[in-house]
Amino acid sequence: MDKQEKNFDSMVWEGIQKALYISDGREENGLRNLLINDIIDARKREGITQRQLESMSGVKQPIISRMERGATDPKLSTVLKILNSFGKTLQIVPLQEIEK
């Protein structure tokens, strides 16, 4: 492989990395905020307090409070426990579907 081919391969790989990886975390924070807001909306729609959600999910109320305030980055297992309480789960979808 000559130098020109290596440079081309390097440029292609850099383009792939930019497309796949979040560089500054803003997109990640936005998606996390969407998820947390959806959880808050589901809880309020059902008329459930944080204490009631604690009983339903097994996640302690102070953790739910910190998560809802954005004071913590919840573990996936915590999010799944809470979602399960509402009969919901996560699904992997293309980002373009979320942006609609």
PDB file of N, CA and C in Angstrom:
ATOM      1  N   MET A   1       0.843  -1.166   0.000  1.00  0.00           N
ATOM      2  CA  MET A   1       0.000   0.000   0.000  1.00  0.00           C
ATOM      3  C   MET A   1       0.896   1.240   0.000  1.00  0.00           C
ATOM      4  N   ASP A   2       0.652   2.138  -0.957  1.00  0.00           N
ATOM      5  CA  ASP A   2       1.486   3.335  -1.004  1.00  0.00           C
ATOM      6  C   ASP A   2       0.928   4.421  -0.083  1.00  0.00           C
ATOM      7  N   LYS A   3       1.698   5.526  -0.002  1.00  0.00           N
ATOM      8  CA  LYS A   3       1.360   6.601   0.937  1.00  0.00           C
ATOM      9  C   LYS A   3       0.007   7.233   0.607  1.00  0.00           C
ATOM     10  N   GLN A   4      -0.321   7.383  -0.660  1.00  0.00           N
ATOM     11  CA  GLN A   4      -1.588   7.993  -1.061  1.00  0.00           C
ATOM     12  C   GLN A   4      -2.778   7.121  -0.623  1.00  0.00           C
ATOM     13  N   GLU A   5      -2.645   5.813  -0.757  1.00  0.00           N
ATOM     14  CA  GLU A   5      -3.710   4.907  -0.325  1.00  0.00           C
ATOM     15  C   GLU A   5      -3.884   4.949   1.199  1.00  0.00           C
ATOM     16  N   LYS A   6      -2.762   5.027   1.913  1.00  0.00           N
ATOM     17  CA  LYS A   6      -2.830   5.106   3.369  1.00  0.00           C
ATOM     18  C   LYS A   6      -3.537   6.389   3.796  1.00  0.00           C
ATOM     19  N   ASN A   7      -3.210   7.512   3.135  1.00  0.00           N
ATOM     20  CA  ASN A   7      -3.861   8.780   3.458  1.00  0.00           C
ATOM     21  C   ASN A   7      -5.363   8.715   3.189  1.00  0.00           C
ATOM     22  N   PHE A   8      -5.738   8.081   2.074  1.00  0.00           N
ATOM     23  CA  PHE A   8      -7.160   7.938   1.742  1.00  0.00           C
ATOM     24  C   PHE A   8      -7.870   7.085   2.794  1.00  0.00           C
ATOM     25  N   ASP A   9      -7.265   5.949   3.155  1.00  0.00           N
ATOM     26  CA  ASP A   9      -7.842   5.078   4.179  1.00  0.00           C
ATOM     27  C   ASP A   9      -7.982   5.814   5.505  1.00  0.00           C
ATOM     28  N   SER A  10      -6.975   6.608   5.836  1.00  0.00           N
ATOM     29  CA  SER A  10      -7.014   7.374   7.077  1.00  0.00           C
ATOM     30  C   SER A  10      -8.155   8.391   7.045  1.00  0.00           C
ATOM     31  N   MET A  11      -8.347   9.064   5.916  1.00  0.00           N
ATOM     32  CA  MET A  11      -9.419  10.053   5.789  1.00  0.00           C
ATOM     33  C   MET A  11     -10.787   9.377   5.871  1.00  0.00           C
ATOM     34  N   VAL A  12     -10.925   8.218   5.246  1.00  0.00           N
ATOM     35  CA  VAL A  12     -12.193   7.497   5.301  1.00  0.00           C
ATOM     36  C   VAL A  12     -12.494   7.098   6.737  1.00  0.00           C
ATOM     37  N   TRP A  13     -11.491   6.556   7.436  1.00  0.00           N
ATOM     38  CA  TRP A  13     -11.698   6.133   8.819  1.00  0.00           C
ATOM     39  C   TRP A  13     -12.055   7.316   9.720  1.00  0.00           C
ATOM     40  N   GLU A  14     -11.404   8.452   9.527  1.00  0.00           N
ATOM     41  CA  GLU A  14     -11.724   9.645  10.317  1.00  0.00           C
ATOM     42  C   GLU A  14     -13.174  10.070  10.086  1.00  0.00           C
ATOM     43  N   GLY A  15     -13.635   9.972   8.841  1.00  0.00           N
ATOM     44  CA  GLY A  15     -15.026  10.305   8.537  1.00  0.00           C
ATOM     45  C   GLY A  15     -15.996   9.362   9.226  1.00  0.00           C
ATOM     46  N   ILE A  16     -15.662   8.093   9.256  1.00  0.00           N
ATOM     47  CA  ILE A  16     -16.501   7.101   9.937  1.00  0.00           C
ATOM     48  C   ILE A  16     -16.539   7.387  11.428  1.00  0.00           C
ATOM     49  N   GLN A  17     -15.374   7.678  12.015  1.00  0.00           N
ATOM     50  CA  GLN A  17     -15.324   7.983  13.446  1.00  0.00           C
ATOM     51  C   GLN A  17     -16.176   9.198  13.783  1.00  0.00           C
ATOM     52  N   LYS A  18     -16.100  10.237  12.968  1.00  0.00           N
ATOM     53  CA  LYS A  18     -16.888  11.443  13.223  1.00  0.00           C
ATOM     54  C   LYS A  18     -18.375  11.143  13.143  1.00  0.00           C
ATOM     55  N   ALA A  19     -18.758  10.251  12.232  1.00  0.00           N
ATOM     56  CA  ALA A  19     -20.167   9.901  12.082  1.00  0.00           C
ATOM     57  C   ALA A  19     -20.671   9.041  13.231  1.00  0.00           C
ATOM     58  N   LEU A  20     -19.798   8.231  13.804  1.00  0.00           N
ATOM     59  CA  LEU A  20     -20.226   7.275  14.831  1.00  0.00           C
ATOM     60  C   LEU A  20     -20.056   7.755  16.256  1.00  0.00           C
ATOM     61  N   TYR A  21     -19.073   8.570  16.512  1.00  0.00           N
ATOM     62  CA  TYR A  21     -18.747   8.924  17.885  1.00  0.00           C
ATOM     63  C   TYR A  21     -19.170  10.343  18.210  1.00  0.00           C
ATOM     64  N   ILE A  22     -19.624  10.529  19.420  1.00  0.00           N
ATOM     65  CA  ILE A  22     -20.027  11.850  19.892  1.00  0.00           C
ATOM     66  C   ILE A  22     -18.790  12.529  20.438  1.00  0.00           C
ATOM     67  N   SER A  23     -18.490  13.685  19.906  1.00  0.00           N
ATOM     68  CA  SER A  23     -17.237  14.328  20.257  1.00  0.00           C
ATOM     69  C   SER A  23     -17.300  15.115  21.565  1.00  0.00           C
ATOM     70  N   ASP A  24     -18.373  15.858  21.788  1.00  0.00           N
ATOM     71  CA  ASP A  24     -18.392  16.734  22.954  1.00  0.00           C
ATOM     72  C   ASP A  24     -19.486  16.393  23.965  1.00  0.00           C
ATOM     73  N   GLY A  25     -20.255  15.384  23.712  1.00  0.00           N
ATOM     74  CA  GLY A  25     -21.261  14.956  24.662  1.00  0.00           C
ATOM     75  C   GLY A  25     -22.595  15.671  24.578  1.00  0.00           C
ATOM     76  N   ARG A  26     -22.714  16.722  23.762  1.00  0.00           N
ATOM     77  CA  ARG A  26     -23.980  17.449  23.682  1.00  0.00           C
ATOM     78  C   ARG A  26     -25.113  16.565  23.178  1.00  0.00           C
ATOM     79  N   GLU A  27     -24.848  15.778  22.143  1.00  0.00           N
ATOM     80  CA  GLU A  27     -25.876  14.891  21.613  1.00  0.00           C
ATOM     81  C   GLU A  27     -26.272  13.851  22.659  1.00  0.00           C
ATOM     82  N   GLU A  28     -25.279  13.320  23.344  1.00  0.00           N
ATOM     83  CA  GLU A  28     -25.540  12.327  24.388  1.00  0.00           C
ATOM     84  C   GLU A  28     -26.399  12.925  25.488  1.00  0.00           C
ATOM     85  N   ASN A  29     -26.059  14.135  25.918  1.00  0.00           N
ATOM     86  CA  ASN A  29     -26.839  14.809  26.956  1.00  0.00           C
ATOM     87  C   ASN A  29     -28.269  15.057  26.481  1.00  0.00           C
ATOM     88  N   GLY A  30     -28.419  15.435  25.235  1.00  0.00           N
ATOM     89  CA  GLY A  30     -29.754  15.677  24.691  1.00  0.00           C
ATOM     90  C   GLY A  30     -30.600  14.420  24.691  1.00  0.00           C
ATOM     91  N   LEU A  31     -30.015  13.298  24.309  1.00  0.00           N
ATOM     92  CA  LEU A  31     -30.747  12.038  24.307  1.00  0.00           C
ATOM     93  C   LEU A  31     -31.078  11.594  25.725  1.00  0.00           C
ATOM     94  N   ARG A  32     -30.139  11.770  26.639  1.00  0.00           N
ATOM     95  CA  ARG A  32     -30.394  11.420  28.036  1.00  0.00           C
ATOM     96  C   ARG A  32     -31.529  12.278  28.580  1.00  0.00           C
ATOM     97  N   ASN A  33     -31.521  13.575  28.272  1.00  0.00           N
ATOM     98  CA  ASN A  33     -32.577  14.465  28.734  1.00  0.00           C
ATOM     99  C   ASN A  33     -33.937  14.067  28.165  1.00  0.00           C
ATOM    100  N   LEU A  34     -33.971  13.666  26.896  1.00  0.00           N
ATOM    101  CA  LEU A  34     -35.224  13.196  26.302  1.00  0.00           C
ATOM    102  C   LEU A  34     -35.759  11.982  27.048  1.00  0.00           C
ATOM    103  N   LEU A  35     -34.880  11.047  27.348  1.00  0.00           N
ATOM    104  CA  LEU A  35     -35.275   9.834  28.055  1.00  0.00           C
ATOM    105  C   LEU A  35     -35.802  10.165  29.452  1.00  0.00           C
ATOM    106  N   ILE A  36     -35.069  10.986  30.186  1.00  0.00           N
ATOM    107  CA  ILE A  36     -35.479  11.346  31.542  1.00  0.00           C
ATOM    108  C   ILE A  36     -36.805  12.108  31.512  1.00  0.00           C
ATOM    109  N   ASN A  37     -36.941  13.020  30.564  1.00  0.00           N
ATOM    110  CA  ASN A  37     -38.197  13.766  30.447  1.00  0.00           C
ATOM    111  C   ASN A  37     -39.364  12.840  30.128  1.00  0.00           C
ATOM    112  N   ASP A  38     -39.142  11.831  29.309  1.00  0.00           N
ATOM    113  CA  ASP A  38     -40.192  10.855  29.007  1.00  0.00           C
ATOM    114  C   ASP A  38     -40.583  10.079  30.265  1.00  0.00           C
ATOM    115  N   ILE A  39     -39.599   9.740  31.093  1.00  0.00           N
ATOM    116  CA  ILE A  39     -39.890   9.038  32.349  1.00  0.00           C
ATOM    117  C   ILE A  39     -40.701   9.937  33.282  1.00  0.00           C
ATOM    118  N   ILE A  40     -40.291  11.194  33.393  1.00  0.00           N
ATOM    119  CA  ILE A  40     -41.021  12.141  34.240  1.00  0.00           C
ATOM    120  C   ILE A  40     -42.457  12.287  33.740  1.00  0.00           C
ATOM    121  N   ASP A  41     -42.621  12.459  32.423  1.00  0.00           N
ATOM    122  CA  ASP A  41     -43.957  12.600  31.837  1.00  0.00           C
ATOM    123  C   ASP A  41     -44.821  11.374  32.116  1.00  0.00           C
ATOM    124  N   ALA A  42     -44.233  10.176  31.982  1.00  0.00           N
ATOM    125  CA  ALA A  42     -44.989   8.941  32.243  1.00  0.00           C
ATOM    126  C   ALA A  42     -45.418   8.883  33.703  1.00  0.00           C
ATOM    127  N   ARG A  43     -44.534   9.254  34.604  1.00  0.00           N
ATOM    128  CA  ARG A  43     -44.862   9.225  36.032  1.00  0.00           C
ATOM    129  C   ARG A  43     -45.997  10.195  36.341  1.00  0.00           C
ATOM    130  N   LYS A  44     -45.911  11.398  35.797  1.00  0.00           N
ATOM    131  CA  LYS A  44     -46.937  12.408  36.061  1.00  0.00           C
ATOM    132  C   LYS A  44     -48.266  12.052  35.396  1.00  0.00           C
ATOM    133  N   ARG A  45     -48.210  11.500  34.190  1.00  0.00           N
ATOM    134  CA  ARG A  45     -49.433  11.074  33.495  1.00  0.00           C
ATOM    135  C   ARG A  45     -50.196  10.030  34.314  1.00  0.00           C
ATOM    136  N   GLU A  46     -49.432   9.135  34.926  1.00  0.00           N
ATOM    137  CA  GLU A  46     -50.033   8.074  35.745  1.00  0.00           C
ATOM    138  C   GLU A  46     -50.406   8.572  37.141  1.00  0.00           C
ATOM    139  N   GLY A  47     -50.015   9.800  37.477  1.00  0.00           N
ATOM    140  CA  GLY A  47     -50.312  10.352  38.792  1.00  0.00           C
ATOM    141  C   GLY A  47     -49.546   9.636  39.903  1.00  0.00           C
ATOM    142  N   ILE A  48     -48.325   9.221  39.587  1.00  0.00           N
ATOM    143  CA  ILE A  48     -47.503   8.456  40.523  1.00  0.00           C
ATOM    144  C   ILE A  48     -46.460   9.378  41.146  1.00  0.00           C
ATOM    145  N   THR A  49     -46.336   9.314  42.465  1.00  0.00           N
ATOM    146  CA  THR A  49     -45.301  10.078  43.154  1.00  0.00           C
ATOM    147  C   THR A  49     -43.965   9.340  43.039  1.00  0.00           C
ATOM    148  N   GLN A  50     -42.913  10.033  43.380  1.00  0.00           N
ATOM    149  CA  GLN A  50     -41.604   9.384  43.384  1.00  0.00           C
ATOM    150  C   GLN A  50     -41.568   8.252  44.404  1.00  0.00           C
ATOM    151  N   ARG A  51     -42.228   8.423  45.526  1.00  0.00           N
ATOM    152  CA  ARG A  51     -42.285   7.363  46.551  1.00  0.00           C
ATOM    153  C   ARG A  51     -43.016   6.130  46.010  1.00  0.00           C
ATOM    154  N   GLN A  52     -44.116   6.363  45.308  1.00  0.00           N
ATOM    155  CA  GLN A  52     -44.849   5.248  44.718  1.00  0.00           C
ATOM    156  C   GLN A  52     -43.999   4.538  43.660  1.00  0.00           C
ATOM    157  N   LEU A  53     -43.261   5.328  42.878  1.00  0.00           N
ATOM    158  CA  LEU A  53     -42.386   4.740  41.873  1.00  0.00           C
ATOM    159  C   LEU A  53     -41.283   3.922  42.537  1.00  0.00           C
ATOM    160  N   GLU A  54     -40.817   4.360  43.681  1.00  0.00           N
ATOM    161  CA  GLU A  54     -39.841   3.593  44.443  1.00  0.00           C
ATOM    162  C   GLU A  54     -40.404   2.210  44.772  1.00  0.00           C
ATOM    163  N   SER A  55     -41.635   2.169  45.258  1.00  0.00           N
ATOM    164  CA  SER A  55     -42.264   0.894  45.600  1.00  0.00           C
ATOM    165  C   SER A  55     -42.459   0.013  44.373  1.00  0.00           C
ATOM    166  N   MET A  56     -42.807   0.626  43.265  1.00  0.00           N
ATOM    167  CA  MET A  56     -43.068  -0.130  42.034  1.00  0.00           C
ATOM    168  C   MET A  56     -41.797  -0.674  41.397  1.00  0.00           C
ATOM    169  N   SER A  57     -40.724   0.117  41.454  1.00  0.00           N
ATOM    170  CA  SER A  57     -39.510  -0.210  40.702  1.00  0.00           C
ATOM    171  C   SER A  57     -38.391  -0.801  41.547  1.00  0.00           C
ATOM    172  N   GLY A  58     -38.404  -0.506  42.834  1.00  0.00           N
ATOM    173  CA  GLY A  58     -37.290  -0.923  43.684  1.00  0.00           C
ATOM    174  C   GLY A  58     -36.128   0.057  43.656  1.00  0.00           C
ATOM    175  N   VAL A  59     -36.302   1.165  42.926  1.00  0.00           N
ATOM    176  CA  VAL A  59     -35.273   2.215  42.870  1.00  0.00           C
ATOM    177  C   VAL A  59     -35.610   3.227  43.956  1.00  0.00           C
ATOM    178  N   LYS A  60     -34.661   3.524  44.807  1.00  0.00           N
ATOM    179  CA  LYS A  60     -34.880   4.432  45.936  1.00  0.00           C
ATOM    180  C   LYS A  60     -35.314   5.819  45.467  1.00  0.00           C
ATOM    181  N   GLN A  61     -36.228   6.424  46.212  1.00  0.00           N
ATOM    182  CA  GLN A  61     -36.773   7.739  45.858  1.00  0.00           C
ATOM    183  C   GLN A  61     -35.695   8.805  45.694  1.00  0.00           C
ATOM    184  N   PRO A  62     -34.670   8.871  46.562  1.00  0.00           N
ATOM    185  CA  PRO A  62     -33.639   9.894  46.345  1.00  0.00           C
ATOM    186  C   PRO A  62     -32.908   9.728  45.001  1.00  0.00           C
ATOM    187  N   ILE A  63     -32.755   8.503  44.561  1.00  0.00           N
ATOM    188  CA  ILE A  63     -32.118   8.266  43.254  1.00  0.00           C
ATOM    189  C   ILE A  63     -33.034   8.752  42.142  1.00  0.00           C
ATOM    190  N   ILE A  64     -34.327   8.466  42.273  1.00  0.00           N
ATOM    191  CA  ILE A  64     -35.302   8.940  41.281  1.00  0.00           C
ATOM    192  C   ILE A  64     -35.285  10.461  41.236  1.00  0.00           C
ATOM    193  N   SER A  65     -35.257  11.094  42.390  1.00  0.00           N
ATOM    194  CA  SER A  65     -35.229  12.553  42.460  1.00  0.00           C
ATOM    195  C   SER A  65     -33.984  13.122  41.782  1.00  0.00           C
ATOM    196  N   ARG A  66     -32.829  12.570  42.111  1.00  0.00           N
ATOM    197  CA  ARG A  66     -31.579  13.052  41.493  1.00  0.00           C
ATOM    198  C   ARG A  66     -31.601  12.850  39.981  1.00  0.00           C
ATOM    199  N   MET A  67     -32.144  11.718  39.548  1.00  0.00           N
ATOM    200  CA  MET A  67     -32.227  11.439  38.113  1.00  0.00           C
ATOM    201  C   MET A  67     -33.138  12.463  37.434  1.00  0.00           C
ATOM    202  N   GLU A  68     -34.294  12.716  38.020  1.00  0.00           N
ATOM    203  CA  GLU A  68     -35.240  13.657  37.428  1.00  0.00           C
ATOM    204  C   GLU A  68     -34.710  15.085  37.407  1.00  0.00           C
ATOM    205  N   ARG A  69     -33.912  15.453  38.386  1.00  0.00           N
ATOM    206  CA  ARG A  69     -33.314  16.803  38.428  1.00  0.00           C
ATOM    207  C   ARG A  69     -32.103  16.931  37.510  1.00  0.00           C
ATOM    208  N   GLY A  70     -31.603  15.809  37.006  1.00  0.00           N
ATOM    209  CA  GLY A  70     -30.408  15.843  36.174  1.00  0.00           C
ATOM    210  C   GLY A  70     -29.140  15.917  36.988  1.00  0.00           C
ATOM    211  N   ALA A  71     -29.241  15.596  38.281  1.00  0.00           N
ATOM    212  CA  ALA A  71     -28.077  15.677  39.169  1.00  0.00           C
ATOM    213  C   ALA A  71     -27.219  14.424  39.117  1.00  0.00           C
ATOM    214  N   THR A  72     -27.691  13.405  38.417  1.00  0.00           N
ATOM    215  CA  THR A  72     -26.935  12.166  38.301  1.00  0.00           C
ATOM    216  C   THR A  72     -27.146  11.561  36.923  1.00  0.00           C
ATOM    217  N   ASP A  73     -26.236  10.738  36.531  1.00  0.00           N
ATOM    218  CA  ASP A  73     -26.340  10.014  35.266  1.00  0.00           C
ATOM    219  C   ASP A  73     -26.722   8.579  35.635  1.00  0.00           C
ATOM    220  N   PRO A  74     -28.011   8.212  35.511  1.00  0.00           N
ATOM    221  CA  PRO A  74     -28.448   6.916  36.008  1.00  0.00           C
ATOM    222  C   PRO A  74     -27.847   5.751  35.228  1.00  0.00           C
ATOM    223  N   LYS A  75     -27.662   4.653  35.950  1.00  0.00           N
ATOM    224  CA  LYS A  75     -27.190   3.434  35.311  1.00  0.00           C
ATOM    225  C   LYS A  75     -28.313   2.871  34.438  1.00  0.00           C
ATOM    226  N   LEU A  76     -27.927   2.122  33.439  1.00  0.00           N
ATOM    227  CA  LEU A  76     -28.905   1.504  32.552  1.00  0.00           C
ATOM    228  C   LEU A  76     -29.862   0.619  33.336  1.00  0.00           C
ATOM    229  N   SER A  77     -29.353  -0.128  34.294  1.00  0.00           N
ATOM    230  CA  SER A  77     -30.220  -1.019  35.081  1.00  0.00           C
ATOM    231  C   SER A  77     -31.274  -0.221  35.841  1.00  0.00           C
ATOM    232  N   THR A  78     -30.925   0.956  36.311  1.00  0.00           N
ATOM    233  CA  THR A  78     -31.882   1.815  37.016  1.00  0.00           C
ATOM    234  C   THR A  78     -32.979   2.280  36.064  1.00  0.00           C
ATOM    235  N   VAL A  79     -32.584   2.740  34.895  1.00  0.00           N
ATOM    236  CA  VAL A  79     -33.548   3.198  33.899  1.00  0.00           C
ATOM    237  C   VAL A  79     -34.486   2.058  33.509  1.00  0.00           C
ATOM    238  N   LEU A  80     -33.929   0.877  33.308  1.00  0.00           N
ATOM    239  CA  LEU A  80     -34.757  -0.269  32.910  1.00  0.00           C
ATOM    240  C   LEU A  80     -35.745  -0.659  34.008  1.00  0.00           C
ATOM    241  N   LYS A  81     -35.329  -0.600  35.256  1.00  0.00           N
ATOM    242  CA  LYS A  81     -36.249  -0.900  36.365  1.00  0.00           C
ATOM    243  C   LYS A  81     -37.415   0.083  36.373  1.00  0.00           C
ATOM    244  N   ILE A  82     -37.110   1.340  36.193  1.00  0.00           N
ATOM    245  CA  ILE A  82     -38.154   2.369  36.208  1.00  0.00           C
ATOM    246  C   ILE A  82     -39.085   2.201  35.014  1.00  0.00           C
ATOM    247  N   LEU A  83     -38.501   2.008  33.832  1.00  0.00           N
ATOM    248  CA  LEU A  83     -39.326   1.832  32.647  1.00  0.00           C
ATOM    249  C   LEU A  83     -40.228   0.603  32.775  1.00  0.00           C
ATOM    250  N   ASN A  84     -39.688  -0.469  33.336  1.00  0.00           N
ATOM    251  CA  ASN A  84     -40.457  -1.697  33.517  1.00  0.00           C
ATOM    252  C   ASN A  84     -41.693  -1.437  34.375  1.00  0.00           C
ATOM    253  N   SER A  85     -41.593  -0.527  35.336  1.00  0.00           N
ATOM    254  CA  SER A  85     -42.726  -0.177  36.190  1.00  0.00           C
ATOM    255  C   SER A  85     -43.890   0.400  35.394  1.00  0.00           C
ATOM    256  N   PHE A  86     -43.576   1.009  34.255  1.00  0.00           N
ATOM    257  CA  PHE A  86     -44.603   1.589  33.386  1.00  0.00           C
ATOM    258  C   PHE A  86     -44.970   0.653  32.236  1.00  0.00           C
ATOM    259  N   GLY A  87     -44.410  -0.568  32.263  1.00  0.00           N
ATOM    260  CA  GLY A  87     -44.660  -1.501  31.165  1.00  0.00           C
ATOM    261  C   GLY A  87     -43.933  -1.093  29.894  1.00  0.00           C
ATOM    262  N   LYS A  88     -42.786  -0.448  30.055  1.00  0.00           N
ATOM    263  CA  LYS A  88     -42.004   0.042  28.906  1.00  0.00           C
ATOM    264  C   LYS A  88     -40.580  -0.502  28.978  1.00  0.00           C
ATOM    265  N   THR A  89     -39.856  -0.363  27.872  1.00  0.00           N
ATOM    266  CA  THR A  89     -38.448  -0.728  27.815  1.00  0.00           C
ATOM    267  C   THR A  89     -37.758   0.194  26.821  1.00  0.00           C
ATOM    268  N   LEU A  90     -36.491  -0.011  26.629  1.00  0.00           N
ATOM    269  CA  LEU A  90     -35.730   0.750  25.633  1.00  0.00           C
ATOM    270  C   LEU A  90     -35.691  -0.016  24.329  1.00  0.00           C
ATOM    271  N   GLN A  91     -35.514   0.724  23.246  1.00  0.00           N
ATOM    272  CA  GLN A  91     -35.368   0.110  21.929  1.00  0.00           C
ATOM    273  C   GLN A  91     -34.304   0.881  21.178  1.00  0.00           C
ATOM    274  N   ILE A  92     -33.472   0.184  20.443  1.00  0.00           N
ATOM    275  CA  ILE A  92     -32.440   0.824  19.645  1.00  0.00           C
ATOM    276  C   ILE A  92     -33.061   1.211  18.305  1.00  0.00           C
ATOM    277  N   VAL A  93     -33.003   2.506  18.008  1.00  0.00           N
ATOM    278  CA  VAL A  93     -33.556   3.023  16.757  1.00  0.00           C
ATOM    279  C   VAL A  93     -32.546   3.983  16.136  1.00  0.00           C
ATOM    280  N   PRO A  94     -32.610   4.170  14.832  1.00  0.00           N
ATOM    281  CA  PRO A  94     -31.718   5.140  14.199  1.00  0.00           C
ATOM    282  C   PRO A  94     -31.962   6.544  14.751  1.00  0.00           C
ATOM    283  N   LEU A  95     -30.902   7.318  14.906  1.00  0.00           N
ATOM    284  CA  LEU A  95     -31.019   8.672  15.442  1.00  0.00           C
ATOM    285  C   LEU A  95     -31.964   9.529  14.606  1.00  0.00           C
ATOM    286  N   GLN A  96     -32.044   9.275  13.303  1.00  0.00           N
ATOM    287  CA  GLN A  96     -32.914  10.078  12.442  1.00  0.00           C
ATOM    288  C   GLN A  96     -34.368   9.935  12.880  1.00  0.00           C
ATOM    289  N   GLU A  97     -34.760   8.785  13.423  1.00  0.00           N
ATOM    290  CA  GLU A  97     -36.140   8.606  13.880  1.00  0.00           C
ATOM    291  C   GLU A  97     -36.422   9.453  15.100  1.00  0.00           C
ATOM    292  N   ILE A  98     -35.435   9.666  15.940  1.00  0.00           N
ATOM    293  CA  ILE A  98     -35.595  10.458  17.158  1.00  0.00           C
ATOM    294  C   ILE A  98     -35.722  11.928  16.812  1.00  0.00           C
ATOM    295  N   GLU A  99     -35.003  12.364  15.797  1.00  0.00           N
ATOM    296  CA  GLU A  99     -34.968  13.783  15.426  1.00  0.00           C
ATOM    297  C   GLU A  99     -36.234  14.249  14.745  1.00  0.00           C
ATOM    298  N   LYS A 100     -37.122  13.331  14.365  1.00  0.00           N
ATOM    299  CA  LYS A 100     -38.366  13.711  13.661  1.00  0.00           C
ATOM    300  C   LYS A 100     -39.358  14.359  14.569  1.00  0.00           C
TER     301      LYS A 100
END
